Amino acid sequence: MSSMELISPPRGPQKGPLHMDRLAPHRKRIAALLYGEDAGGPLPDLVELSAALNSLAALKHRKRLLPLAELPVEIALVRTGDHIEISRYESGGFKEPDLLNHKAPLKALLSACTDAVLARADAEEDPTARQIALRVAERAMRTRIEPDHGGRTLKKIEGGVDPEELDEIKLGFRFEATLPVLQETLPRT
């Protein structure tokens, strides 16, 4: 044996990208909650997702948008009661969403993200990234899911020109839309 081998510290558990595959079961669980058992797709950053869920649980926000780093895709999270409605759509074009208003239980999603962020912190080599992940996970564990009494209602709007008002020369259009509206923004009657 050389003296170098004698004074070298013992090798601890390996961390880093090669060992991030420990997150695979966590990612699978989160993907099933976010997109449904049969659907799949890339996930947003776990720390960002956890932070967004924390703010939705505490009712600091009702909607959060999370971009995916590797694709021009956004995930929209909307708090409705004890659930989160998830929509996924391409942010760079005019395509229809490939996932629209999929419901997931907020408590289960928050728990799955907390577990995943803790596992990520354990596998993280960068001390700053590890500390951030630990703080977000700690905040998620302390987050109280506030009751959501606001709910949503639907409001129908119409506009444009009435077809009976058109003569042969005019060009007109008409539209109808039904939009979800938070109750707190509806005018008092």
N, C-alpha and C. Protein backbone atom coordinates (compact mmCIF):
# COMPACT_ATOMS: atom_id res chain seq x y z
N MET A 1 0.84 -1.19 0.00
CA MET A 1 0.00 0.00 0.00
C MET A 1 0.87 1.24 0.00
N SER A 2 0.43 2.23 -0.65
CA SER A 2 1.16 3.48 -0.65
C SER A 2 0.62 4.35 0.48
N SER A 3 1.41 5.36 0.85
CA SER A 3 0.98 6.24 1.93
C SER A 3 -0.26 7.04 1.53
N MET A 4 -0.41 7.26 0.24
CA MET A 4 -1.59 7.99 -0.23
C MET A 4 -2.87 7.23 0.09
N GLU A 5 -2.84 5.94 -0.05
CA GLU A 5 -4.03 5.14 0.24
C GLU A 5 -4.34 5.13 1.73
N LEU A 6 -3.32 5.18 2.57
CA LEU A 6 -3.53 5.12 4.00
C LEU A 6 -4.17 6.39 4.56
N ILE A 7 -3.84 7.55 3.97
CA ILE A 7 -4.37 8.78 4.53
C ILE A 7 -5.61 9.29 3.80
N SER A 8 -6.02 8.61 2.75
CA SER A 8 -7.22 9.04 2.04
C SER A 8 -8.44 8.79 2.91
N PRO A 9 -9.40 9.74 2.91
CA PRO A 9 -10.61 9.53 3.69
C PRO A 9 -11.44 8.40 3.09
N PRO A 10 -12.23 7.74 3.92
CA PRO A 10 -13.07 6.67 3.37
C PRO A 10 -14.09 7.27 2.41
N ARG A 11 -14.43 6.50 1.41
CA ARG A 11 -15.40 6.97 0.42
C ARG A 11 -16.80 6.83 0.98
N GLY A 12 -17.51 7.92 0.97
CA GLY A 12 -18.89 7.92 1.44
C GLY A 12 -19.83 7.53 0.33
N PRO A 13 -21.10 7.62 0.58
CA PRO A 13 -22.08 7.29 -0.46
C PRO A 13 -21.95 8.24 -1.64
N GLN A 14 -22.06 7.71 -2.81
CA GLN A 14 -21.95 8.51 -4.02
C GLN A 14 -23.21 9.34 -4.21
N LYS A 15 -23.01 10.57 -4.65
CA LYS A 15 -24.12 11.47 -4.94
C LYS A 15 -23.91 12.05 -6.32
N GLY A 16 -24.89 12.79 -6.78
CA GLY A 16 -24.75 13.48 -8.05
C GLY A 16 -25.62 12.89 -9.13
N PRO A 17 -25.36 13.29 -10.40
CA PRO A 17 -26.23 12.92 -11.51
C PRO A 17 -26.38 11.41 -11.70
N LEU A 18 -25.30 10.66 -11.49
CA LEU A 18 -25.38 9.22 -11.69
C LEU A 18 -26.31 8.55 -10.68
N HIS A 19 -26.46 9.17 -9.54
CA HIS A 19 -27.28 8.57 -8.50
C HIS A 19 -28.62 9.29 -8.32
N MET A 20 -28.93 10.19 -9.24
CA MET A 20 -30.22 10.87 -9.20
C MET A 20 -31.34 9.93 -9.65
N ASP A 21 -30.98 8.73 -10.16
CA ASP A 21 -32.02 7.79 -10.57
C ASP A 21 -32.84 7.32 -9.37
N ARG A 22 -32.37 7.62 -8.16
CA ARG A 22 -33.18 7.35 -6.96
C ARG A 22 -34.46 8.16 -6.99
N LEU A 23 -34.47 9.20 -7.79
CA LEU A 23 -35.66 10.06 -7.89
C LEU A 23 -36.71 9.47 -8.83
N ALA A 24 -36.35 8.44 -9.59
CA ALA A 24 -37.28 7.88 -10.58
C ALA A 24 -38.63 7.48 -9.98
N PRO A 25 -38.67 6.77 -8.84
CA PRO A 25 -39.99 6.43 -8.29
C PRO A 25 -40.79 7.68 -7.87
N HIS A 26 -40.08 8.68 -7.37
CA HIS A 26 -40.75 9.93 -6.98
C HIS A 26 -41.31 10.64 -8.21
N ARG A 27 -40.51 10.70 -9.27
CA ARG A 27 -40.95 11.34 -10.51
C ARG A 27 -42.16 10.62 -11.10
N LYS A 28 -42.14 9.30 -11.04
CA LYS A 28 -43.25 8.50 -11.57
C LYS A 28 -44.54 8.80 -10.79
N ARG A 29 -44.42 8.87 -9.48
CA ARG A 29 -45.58 9.17 -8.62
C ARG A 29 -46.13 10.56 -8.92
N ILE A 30 -45.24 11.54 -9.04
CA ILE A 30 -45.67 12.92 -9.32
C ILE A 30 -46.30 13.01 -10.70
N ALA A 31 -45.69 12.35 -11.70
CA ALA A 31 -46.25 12.37 -13.06
C ALA A 31 -47.65 11.76 -13.09
N ALA A 32 -47.86 10.68 -12.34
CA ALA A 32 -49.19 10.06 -12.29
C ALA A 32 -50.21 11.01 -11.67
N LEU A 33 -49.80 11.74 -10.63
CA LEU A 33 -50.72 12.70 -10.01
C LEU A 33 -50.97 13.89 -10.92
N LEU A 34 -49.90 14.42 -11.52
CA LEU A 34 -50.03 15.61 -12.36
C LEU A 34 -50.78 15.34 -13.66
N TYR A 35 -50.42 14.26 -14.34
CA TYR A 35 -50.91 14.04 -15.69
C TYR A 35 -51.90 12.88 -15.81
N GLY A 36 -52.04 12.06 -14.76
CA GLY A 36 -52.90 10.88 -14.82
C GLY A 36 -52.05 9.64 -14.98
N GLU A 37 -52.62 8.51 -14.59
CA GLU A 37 -51.88 7.24 -14.61
C GLU A 37 -51.40 6.87 -16.01
N ASP A 38 -52.22 7.13 -17.03
CA ASP A 38 -51.89 6.70 -18.38
C ASP A 38 -51.08 7.73 -19.16
N ALA A 39 -51.08 8.95 -18.70
CA ALA A 39 -50.36 10.02 -19.40
C ALA A 39 -48.94 10.11 -18.86
N GLY A 40 -48.13 10.81 -19.54
CA GLY A 40 -46.75 11.00 -19.10
C GLY A 40 -46.24 12.31 -19.62
N GLY A 41 -44.95 12.46 -19.53
CA GLY A 41 -44.34 13.67 -20.05
C GLY A 41 -43.34 14.22 -19.06
N PRO A 42 -42.57 15.19 -19.51
CA PRO A 42 -41.56 15.77 -18.63
C PRO A 42 -42.19 16.57 -17.49
N LEU A 43 -41.47 16.61 -16.40
CA LEU A 43 -41.95 17.33 -15.22
C LEU A 43 -41.24 18.66 -15.07
N PRO A 44 -41.89 19.62 -14.43
CA PRO A 44 -41.18 20.85 -14.08
C PRO A 44 -40.16 20.54 -12.99
N ASP A 45 -39.28 21.47 -12.73
CA ASP A 45 -38.29 21.31 -11.67
C ASP A 45 -39.02 21.01 -10.36
N LEU A 46 -38.56 20.00 -9.63
CA LEU A 46 -39.26 19.56 -8.43
C LEU A 46 -39.29 20.62 -7.34
N VAL A 47 -38.22 21.39 -7.21
CA VAL A 47 -38.19 22.45 -6.19
C VAL A 47 -39.18 23.55 -6.57
N GLU A 48 -39.21 23.92 -7.85
CA GLU A 48 -40.16 24.95 -8.31
C GLU A 48 -41.60 24.46 -8.16
N LEU A 49 -41.85 23.19 -8.48
CA LEU A 49 -43.19 22.63 -8.35
C LEU A 49 -43.63 22.64 -6.89
N SER A 50 -42.74 22.24 -6.01
CA SER A 50 -43.05 22.22 -4.58
C SER A 50 -43.34 23.63 -4.06
N ALA A 51 -42.53 24.60 -4.46
CA ALA A 51 -42.75 25.99 -4.04
C ALA A 51 -44.09 26.51 -4.56
N ALA A 52 -44.44 26.17 -5.80
CA ALA A 52 -45.72 26.59 -6.37
C ALA A 52 -46.89 25.97 -5.60
N LEU A 53 -46.76 24.69 -5.27
CA LEU A 53 -47.83 24.01 -4.52
C LEU A 53 -47.97 24.60 -3.12
N ASN A 54 -46.84 24.99 -2.51
CA ASN A 54 -46.88 25.64 -1.19
C ASN A 54 -47.72 26.91 -1.25
N SER A 55 -47.49 27.73 -2.27
CA SER A 55 -48.22 28.99 -2.37
C SER A 55 -49.69 28.77 -2.70
N LEU A 56 -50.00 27.73 -3.47
CA LEU A 56 -51.40 27.41 -3.76
C LEU A 56 -52.09 26.86 -2.52
N ALA A 57 -51.40 26.05 -1.75
CA ALA A 57 -51.98 25.47 -0.53
C ALA A 57 -52.30 26.57 0.49
N ALA A 58 -51.43 27.55 0.60
CA ALA A 58 -51.62 28.64 1.56
C ALA A 58 -52.54 29.74 1.01
N LEU A 59 -53.03 29.55 -0.22
CA LEU A 59 -53.89 30.52 -0.91
C LEU A 59 -53.21 31.88 -1.12
N LYS A 60 -51.88 31.87 -1.23
CA LYS A 60 -51.17 33.09 -1.61
C LYS A 60 -51.41 33.37 -3.08
N HIS A 61 -51.61 32.33 -3.85
CA HIS A 61 -51.95 32.42 -5.27
C HIS A 61 -53.05 31.40 -5.55
N ARG A 62 -53.81 31.64 -6.61
CA ARG A 62 -54.80 30.67 -7.07
C ARG A 62 -54.32 29.95 -8.31
N LYS A 63 -53.36 30.55 -9.01
CA LYS A 63 -52.85 29.97 -10.24
C LYS A 63 -51.35 30.18 -10.31
N ARG A 64 -50.63 29.16 -10.74
CA ARG A 64 -49.19 29.27 -10.96
C ARG A 64 -48.86 28.64 -12.30
N LEU A 65 -47.95 29.27 -13.03
CA LEU A 65 -47.46 28.74 -14.31
C LEU A 65 -46.02 28.31 -14.13
N LEU A 66 -45.73 27.09 -14.56
CA LEU A 66 -44.37 26.57 -14.45
C LEU A 66 -43.87 26.18 -15.84
N PRO A 67 -42.83 26.84 -16.34
CA PRO A 67 -42.27 26.44 -17.63
C PRO A 67 -41.40 25.20 -17.47
N LEU A 68 -41.31 24.42 -18.51
CA LEU A 68 -40.38 23.30 -18.54
C LEU A 68 -39.09 23.80 -19.16
N ALA A 69 -37.98 23.45 -18.56
CA ALA A 69 -36.69 23.97 -19.01
C ALA A 69 -36.31 23.45 -20.39
N GLU A 70 -36.63 22.19 -20.68
CA GLU A 70 -36.14 21.58 -21.92
C GLU A 70 -37.09 21.70 -23.11
N LEU A 71 -38.32 22.17 -22.88
CA LEU A 71 -39.30 22.27 -23.96
C LEU A 71 -40.07 23.59 -23.85
N PRO A 72 -40.64 24.07 -24.97
CA PRO A 72 -41.49 25.27 -24.89
C PRO A 72 -42.90 24.90 -24.41
N VAL A 73 -42.96 24.36 -23.20
CA VAL A 73 -44.21 23.88 -22.62
C VAL A 73 -44.37 24.49 -21.25
N GLU A 74 -45.61 24.84 -20.90
CA GLU A 74 -45.92 25.34 -19.56
C GLU A 74 -46.95 24.45 -18.91
N ILE A 75 -46.84 24.37 -17.61
CA ILE A 75 -47.81 23.65 -16.79
C ILE A 75 -48.57 24.72 -16.00
N ALA A 76 -49.88 24.71 -16.11
CA ALA A 76 -50.72 25.64 -15.34
C ALA A 76 -51.33 24.86 -14.18
N LEU A 77 -51.17 25.40 -12.97
CA LEU A 77 -51.74 24.81 -11.77
C LEU A 77 -52.76 25.79 -11.21
N VAL A 78 -54.01 25.34 -11.02
CA VAL A 78 -55.07 26.20 -10.52
C VAL A 78 -55.70 25.52 -9.31
N ARG A 79 -55.77 26.25 -8.20
CA ARG A 79 -56.36 25.72 -6.97
C ARG A 79 -57.88 25.78 -7.06
N THR A 80 -58.54 24.65 -6.86
CA THR A 80 -60.00 24.59 -6.81
C THR A 80 -60.37 23.67 -5.65
N GLY A 81 -60.75 24.25 -4.54
CA GLY A 81 -61.10 23.45 -3.36
C GLY A 81 -59.89 22.72 -2.83
N ASP A 82 -60.03 21.41 -2.62
CA ASP A 82 -58.93 20.58 -2.12
C ASP A 82 -58.12 19.96 -3.24
N HIS A 83 -58.33 20.43 -4.47
CA HIS A 83 -57.65 19.87 -5.63
C HIS A 83 -56.88 20.95 -6.39
N ILE A 84 -56.02 20.46 -7.25
CA ILE A 84 -55.30 21.30 -8.19
C ILE A 84 -55.73 20.86 -9.58
N GLU A 85 -56.13 21.80 -10.42
CA GLU A 85 -56.41 21.49 -11.81
C GLU A 85 -55.14 21.77 -12.60
N ILE A 86 -54.72 20.78 -13.38
CA ILE A 86 -53.47 20.88 -14.12
C ILE A 86 -53.78 20.91 -15.61
N SER A 87 -53.18 21.88 -16.30
CA SER A 87 -53.25 21.95 -17.76
C SER A 87 -51.83 22.07 -18.28
N ARG A 88 -51.59 21.46 -19.42
CA ARG A 88 -50.25 21.49 -20.03
C ARG A 88 -50.42 21.92 -21.48
N TYR A 89 -49.64 22.90 -21.88
CA TYR A 89 -49.78 23.41 -23.24
C TYR A 89 -48.45 23.96 -23.73
N GLU A 90 -48.33 24.02 -25.06
CA GLU A 90 -47.14 24.57 -25.69
C GLU A 90 -47.20 26.08 -25.57
N SER A 91 -46.13 26.69 -25.08
CA SER A 91 -46.15 28.13 -24.84
C SER A 91 -45.74 28.94 -26.05
N GLY A 92 -45.21 28.31 -27.07
CA GLY A 92 -44.71 29.07 -28.22
C GLY A 92 -45.66 29.14 -29.39
N GLY A 93 -46.81 28.51 -29.31
CA GLY A 93 -47.68 28.49 -30.48
C GLY A 93 -49.14 28.57 -30.10
N PHE A 94 -49.97 28.21 -31.06
CA PHE A 94 -51.41 28.29 -30.88
C PHE A 94 -52.05 26.91 -30.84
N LYS A 95 -51.34 25.93 -30.36
CA LYS A 95 -51.87 24.57 -30.29
C LYS A 95 -52.80 24.43 -29.10
N GLU A 96 -53.72 23.48 -29.23
CA GLU A 96 -54.63 23.17 -28.13
C GLU A 96 -53.83 22.52 -27.00
N PRO A 97 -54.25 22.71 -25.76
CA PRO A 97 -53.56 22.04 -24.64
C PRO A 97 -53.65 20.53 -24.81
N ASP A 98 -52.57 19.82 -24.50
CA ASP A 98 -52.62 18.37 -24.59
C ASP A 98 -53.13 17.76 -23.28
N LEU A 99 -53.27 18.58 -22.24
CA LEU A 99 -53.87 18.16 -20.98
C LEU A 99 -54.66 19.36 -20.46
N LEU A 100 -55.92 19.15 -20.16
CA LEU A 100 -56.75 20.28 -19.77
C LEU A 100 -57.53 19.95 -18.51
N ASN A 101 -57.30 20.73 -17.46
CA ASN A 101 -58.04 20.66 -16.20
C ASN A 101 -58.07 19.27 -15.57
N HIS A 102 -56.93 18.58 -15.61
CA HIS A 102 -56.82 17.29 -14.90
C HIS A 102 -56.77 17.58 -13.41
N LYS A 103 -57.63 16.93 -12.62
CA LYS A 103 -57.68 17.19 -11.18
C LYS A 103 -56.78 16.22 -10.42
N ALA A 104 -56.05 16.80 -9.45
CA ALA A 104 -55.21 16.00 -8.56
C ALA A 104 -55.43 16.50 -7.14
N PRO A 105 -55.46 15.60 -6.14
CA PRO A 105 -55.61 16.03 -4.75
C PRO A 105 -54.38 16.83 -4.31
N LEU A 106 -54.62 18.03 -3.81
CA LEU A 106 -53.53 18.91 -3.39
C LEU A 106 -52.65 18.26 -2.33
N LYS A 107 -53.26 17.64 -1.33
CA LYS A 107 -52.50 17.04 -0.23
C LYS A 107 -51.56 15.95 -0.74
N ALA A 108 -52.04 15.08 -1.62
CA ALA A 108 -51.22 13.99 -2.16
C ALA A 108 -50.08 14.54 -3.02
N LEU A 109 -50.38 15.56 -3.82
CA LEU A 109 -49.36 16.15 -4.69
C LEU A 109 -48.29 16.85 -3.87
N LEU A 110 -48.70 17.58 -2.84
CA LEU A 110 -47.75 18.27 -1.97
C LEU A 110 -46.86 17.26 -1.24
N SER A 111 -47.44 16.17 -0.77
CA SER A 111 -46.68 15.12 -0.08
C SER A 111 -45.68 14.45 -1.01
N ALA A 112 -46.12 14.13 -2.23
CA ALA A 112 -45.23 13.49 -3.20
C ALA A 112 -44.05 14.41 -3.55
N CYS A 113 -44.34 15.70 -3.72
CA CYS A 113 -43.27 16.66 -4.04
C CYS A 113 -42.30 16.82 -2.88
N THR A 114 -42.82 16.84 -1.66
CA THR A 114 -41.95 16.96 -0.48
C THR A 114 -41.00 15.78 -0.42
N ASP A 115 -41.51 14.58 -0.60
CA ASP A 115 -40.66 13.38 -0.59
C ASP A 115 -39.60 13.45 -1.68
N ALA A 116 -40.00 13.88 -2.88
CA ALA A 116 -39.07 13.97 -4.00
C ALA A 116 -38.00 15.02 -3.76
N VAL A 117 -38.38 16.17 -3.20
CA VAL A 117 -37.40 17.23 -2.95
C VAL A 117 -36.41 16.80 -1.87
N LEU A 118 -36.88 16.09 -0.86
CA LEU A 118 -35.96 15.56 0.16
C LEU A 118 -34.98 14.56 -0.44
N ALA A 119 -35.47 13.69 -1.32
CA ALA A 119 -34.59 12.73 -2.00
C ALA A 119 -33.60 13.46 -2.90
N ARG A 120 -34.06 14.50 -3.56
CA ARG A 120 -33.16 15.28 -4.41
C ARG A 120 -32.08 15.96 -3.57
N ALA A 121 -32.47 16.52 -2.43
CA ALA A 121 -31.49 17.18 -1.56
C ALA A 121 -30.43 16.18 -1.11
N ASP A 122 -30.85 14.96 -0.80
CA ASP A 122 -29.91 13.92 -0.37
C ASP A 122 -28.93 13.54 -1.47
N ALA A 123 -29.38 13.61 -2.72
CA ALA A 123 -28.53 13.23 -3.85
C ALA A 123 -27.72 14.40 -4.41
N GLU A 124 -27.98 15.60 -3.94
CA GLU A 124 -27.37 16.81 -4.49
C GLU A 124 -25.94 16.99 -4.01
N GLU A 125 -25.02 17.25 -4.95
CA GLU A 125 -23.63 17.52 -4.59
C GLU A 125 -23.40 18.99 -4.24
N ASP A 126 -24.10 19.88 -4.93
CA ASP A 126 -23.93 21.32 -4.72
C ASP A 126 -24.56 21.71 -3.38
N PRO A 127 -23.76 22.24 -2.43
CA PRO A 127 -24.32 22.57 -1.12
C PRO A 127 -25.41 23.65 -1.16
N THR A 128 -25.30 24.59 -2.06
CA THR A 128 -26.31 25.63 -2.16
C THR A 128 -27.63 25.05 -2.65
N ALA A 129 -27.56 24.24 -3.71
CA ALA A 129 -28.78 23.61 -4.24
C ALA A 129 -29.38 22.67 -3.19
N ARG A 130 -28.54 21.98 -2.44
CA ARG A 130 -29.03 21.10 -1.38
C ARG A 130 -29.77 21.89 -0.32
N GLN A 131 -29.20 23.02 0.10
CA GLN A 131 -29.82 23.86 1.12
C GLN A 131 -31.17 24.42 0.65
N ILE A 132 -31.22 24.85 -0.60
CA ILE A 132 -32.47 25.38 -1.15
C ILE A 132 -33.54 24.28 -1.14
N ALA A 133 -33.17 23.09 -1.61
CA ALA A 133 -34.12 21.97 -1.64
C ALA A 133 -34.61 21.63 -0.23
N LEU A 134 -33.70 21.63 0.73
CA LEU A 134 -34.10 21.32 2.11
C LEU A 134 -35.06 22.37 2.67
N ARG A 135 -34.79 23.62 2.38
CA ARG A 135 -35.67 24.69 2.87
C ARG A 135 -37.05 24.62 2.24
N VAL A 136 -37.11 24.33 0.95
CA VAL A 136 -38.41 24.22 0.28
C VAL A 136 -39.17 23.01 0.83
N ALA A 137 -38.48 21.90 1.05
CA ALA A 137 -39.13 20.71 1.61
C ALA A 137 -39.62 20.98 3.03
N GLU A 138 -38.81 21.67 3.82
CA GLU A 138 -39.21 22.01 5.19
C GLU A 138 -40.45 22.90 5.18
N ARG A 139 -40.47 23.88 4.28
CA ARG A 139 -41.64 24.77 4.17
C ARG A 139 -42.88 23.97 3.75
N ALA A 140 -42.69 23.01 2.84
CA ALA A 140 -43.82 22.18 2.39
C ALA A 140 -44.36 21.33 3.54
N MET A 141 -43.48 20.84 4.39
CA MET A 141 -43.93 20.03 5.52
C MET A 141 -44.71 20.86 6.53
N ARG A 142 -44.39 22.14 6.63
CA ARG A 142 -45.08 23.02 7.57
C ARG A 142 -46.31 23.70 6.98
N THR A 143 -46.46 23.62 5.66
CA THR A 143 -47.56 24.32 4.99
C THR A 143 -48.90 23.74 5.42
N ARG A 144 -49.76 24.63 5.83
CA ARG A 144 -51.13 24.25 6.18
C ARG A 144 -51.98 24.50 4.94
N ILE A 145 -52.76 23.51 4.56
CA ILE A 145 -53.63 23.67 3.41
C ILE A 145 -54.86 24.45 3.87
N GLU A 146 -54.91 25.70 3.45
CA GLU A 146 -56.01 26.58 3.84
C GLU A 146 -57.28 26.16 3.11
N PRO A 147 -58.42 26.22 3.80
CA PRO A 147 -59.68 25.88 3.12
C PRO A 147 -59.97 26.90 2.02
N ASP A 148 -60.42 26.39 0.90
CA ASP A 148 -60.71 27.24 -0.26
C ASP A 148 -62.21 27.40 -0.38
N HIS A 149 -62.70 28.53 0.07
CA HIS A 149 -64.14 28.80 0.01
C HIS A 149 -64.50 29.65 -1.21
N GLY A 150 -63.47 30.11 -1.95
CA GLY A 150 -63.72 31.00 -3.09
C GLY A 150 -64.41 30.30 -4.23
N GLY A 151 -63.89 29.15 -4.60
CA GLY A 151 -64.49 28.40 -5.69
C GLY A 151 -64.52 29.18 -6.99
N ARG A 152 -65.08 28.55 -8.02
CA ARG A 152 -65.20 29.21 -9.32
C ARG A 152 -66.63 29.08 -9.82
N THR A 153 -67.03 30.06 -10.56
CA THR A 153 -68.30 29.98 -11.26
C THR A 153 -68.02 30.26 -12.73
N LEU A 154 -69.00 29.99 -13.56
CA LEU A 154 -68.84 30.24 -14.98
C LEU A 154 -69.69 31.44 -15.37
N LYS A 155 -69.13 32.28 -16.20
CA LYS A 155 -69.85 33.46 -16.67
C LYS A 155 -69.89 33.42 -18.19
N LYS A 156 -71.08 33.59 -18.73
CA LYS A 156 -71.24 33.58 -20.18
C LYS A 156 -71.19 35.01 -20.69
N ILE A 157 -70.37 35.22 -21.72
CA ILE A 157 -70.30 36.54 -22.34
C ILE A 157 -70.63 36.40 -23.82
N GLU A 158 -71.24 37.42 -24.38
CA GLU A 158 -71.61 37.45 -25.79
C GLU A 158 -71.22 38.80 -26.35
N GLY A 159 -70.98 38.84 -27.61
CA GLY A 159 -70.65 40.12 -28.23
C GLY A 159 -70.69 40.04 -29.74
N GLY A 160 -70.38 41.15 -30.36
CA GLY A 160 -70.37 41.21 -31.81
C GLY A 160 -71.67 41.79 -32.35
N VAL A 161 -71.92 41.53 -33.60
CA VAL A 161 -73.06 42.10 -34.30
C VAL A 161 -74.15 41.04 -34.40
N ASP A 162 -75.37 41.43 -34.12
CA ASP A 162 -76.52 40.53 -34.26
C ASP A 162 -76.75 40.28 -35.76
N PRO A 163 -76.85 39.01 -36.17
CA PRO A 163 -77.02 38.72 -37.61
C PRO A 163 -78.24 39.40 -38.23
N GLU A 164 -79.26 39.68 -37.44
CA GLU A 164 -80.45 40.34 -37.98
C GLU A 164 -80.18 41.80 -38.32
N GLU A 165 -79.10 42.38 -37.78
CA GLU A 165 -78.78 43.79 -38.06
C GLU A 165 -77.93 43.94 -39.31
N LEU A 166 -77.46 42.85 -39.88
CA LEU A 166 -76.59 42.92 -41.06
C LEU A 166 -77.41 43.15 -42.33
N ASP A 167 -76.89 43.99 -43.22
CA ASP A 167 -77.46 44.06 -44.55
C ASP A 167 -76.46 43.41 -45.50
N GLU A 168 -76.66 43.48 -46.74
CA GLU A 168 -75.82 42.75 -47.69
C GLU A 168 -74.42 43.34 -47.83
N ILE A 169 -74.15 44.52 -47.37
CA ILE A 169 -72.86 45.17 -47.56
C ILE A 169 -71.93 44.95 -46.37
N LYS A 170 -72.45 44.89 -45.16
CA LYS A 170 -71.62 44.84 -43.96
C LYS A 170 -71.04 43.45 -43.72
N LEU A 171 -69.91 43.47 -43.09
CA LEU A 171 -69.27 42.24 -42.64
C LEU A 171 -69.30 42.27 -41.12
N GLY A 172 -69.78 41.24 -40.48
CA GLY A 172 -69.88 41.24 -39.03
C GLY A 172 -69.56 39.88 -38.45
N PHE A 173 -69.40 39.85 -37.16
CA PHE A 173 -69.14 38.59 -36.47
C PHE A 173 -69.86 38.60 -35.13
N ARG A 174 -70.01 37.46 -34.55
CA ARG A 174 -70.65 37.30 -33.25
C ARG A 174 -69.90 36.22 -32.50
N PHE A 175 -69.83 36.36 -31.17
CA PHE A 175 -69.15 35.33 -30.37
C PHE A 175 -69.89 35.10 -29.07
N GLU A 176 -69.67 33.90 -28.54
CA GLU A 176 -70.14 33.51 -27.21
C GLU A 176 -68.98 32.81 -26.54
N ALA A 177 -68.81 33.06 -25.26
CA ALA A 177 -67.76 32.39 -24.51
C ALA A 177 -68.23 32.15 -23.09
N THR A 178 -67.83 31.04 -22.53
CA THR A 178 -68.10 30.75 -21.13
C THR A 178 -66.75 30.67 -20.44
N LEU A 179 -66.54 31.55 -19.47
CA LEU A 179 -65.24 31.66 -18.82
C LEU A 179 -65.36 31.36 -17.33
N PRO A 180 -64.36 30.67 -16.77
CA PRO A 180 -64.35 30.48 -15.32
C PRO A 180 -63.96 31.79 -14.65
N VAL A 181 -64.67 32.14 -13.60
CA VAL A 181 -64.42 33.39 -12.88
C VAL A 181 -64.37 33.07 -11.40
N LEU A 182 -63.37 33.58 -10.72
CA LEU A 182 -63.31 33.42 -9.28
C LEU A 182 -64.45 34.20 -8.64
N GLN A 183 -65.08 33.63 -7.64
CA GLN A 183 -66.21 34.31 -7.01
C GLN A 183 -65.82 35.64 -6.40
N GLU A 184 -64.60 35.73 -5.89
CA GLU A 184 -64.19 36.98 -5.24
C GLU A 184 -64.08 38.12 -6.24
N THR A 185 -64.04 37.83 -7.57
CA THR A 185 -63.94 38.90 -8.55
C THR A 185 -65.29 39.24 -9.15
N LEU A 186 -66.34 38.48 -8.83
CA LEU A 186 -67.65 38.79 -9.37
C LEU A 186 -68.19 40.05 -8.71
N PRO A 187 -68.89 40.89 -9.46
CA PRO A 187 -69.46 42.09 -8.85
C PRO A 187 -70.56 41.72 -7.85
N ARG A 188 -70.65 42.47 -6.80
CA ARG A 188 -71.69 42.25 -5.78
C ARG A 188 -73.02 42.75 -6.32
N THR A 189 -74.07 41.97 -6.11
CA THR A 189 -75.40 42.39 -6.57
C THR A 189 -76.35 42.54 -5.41
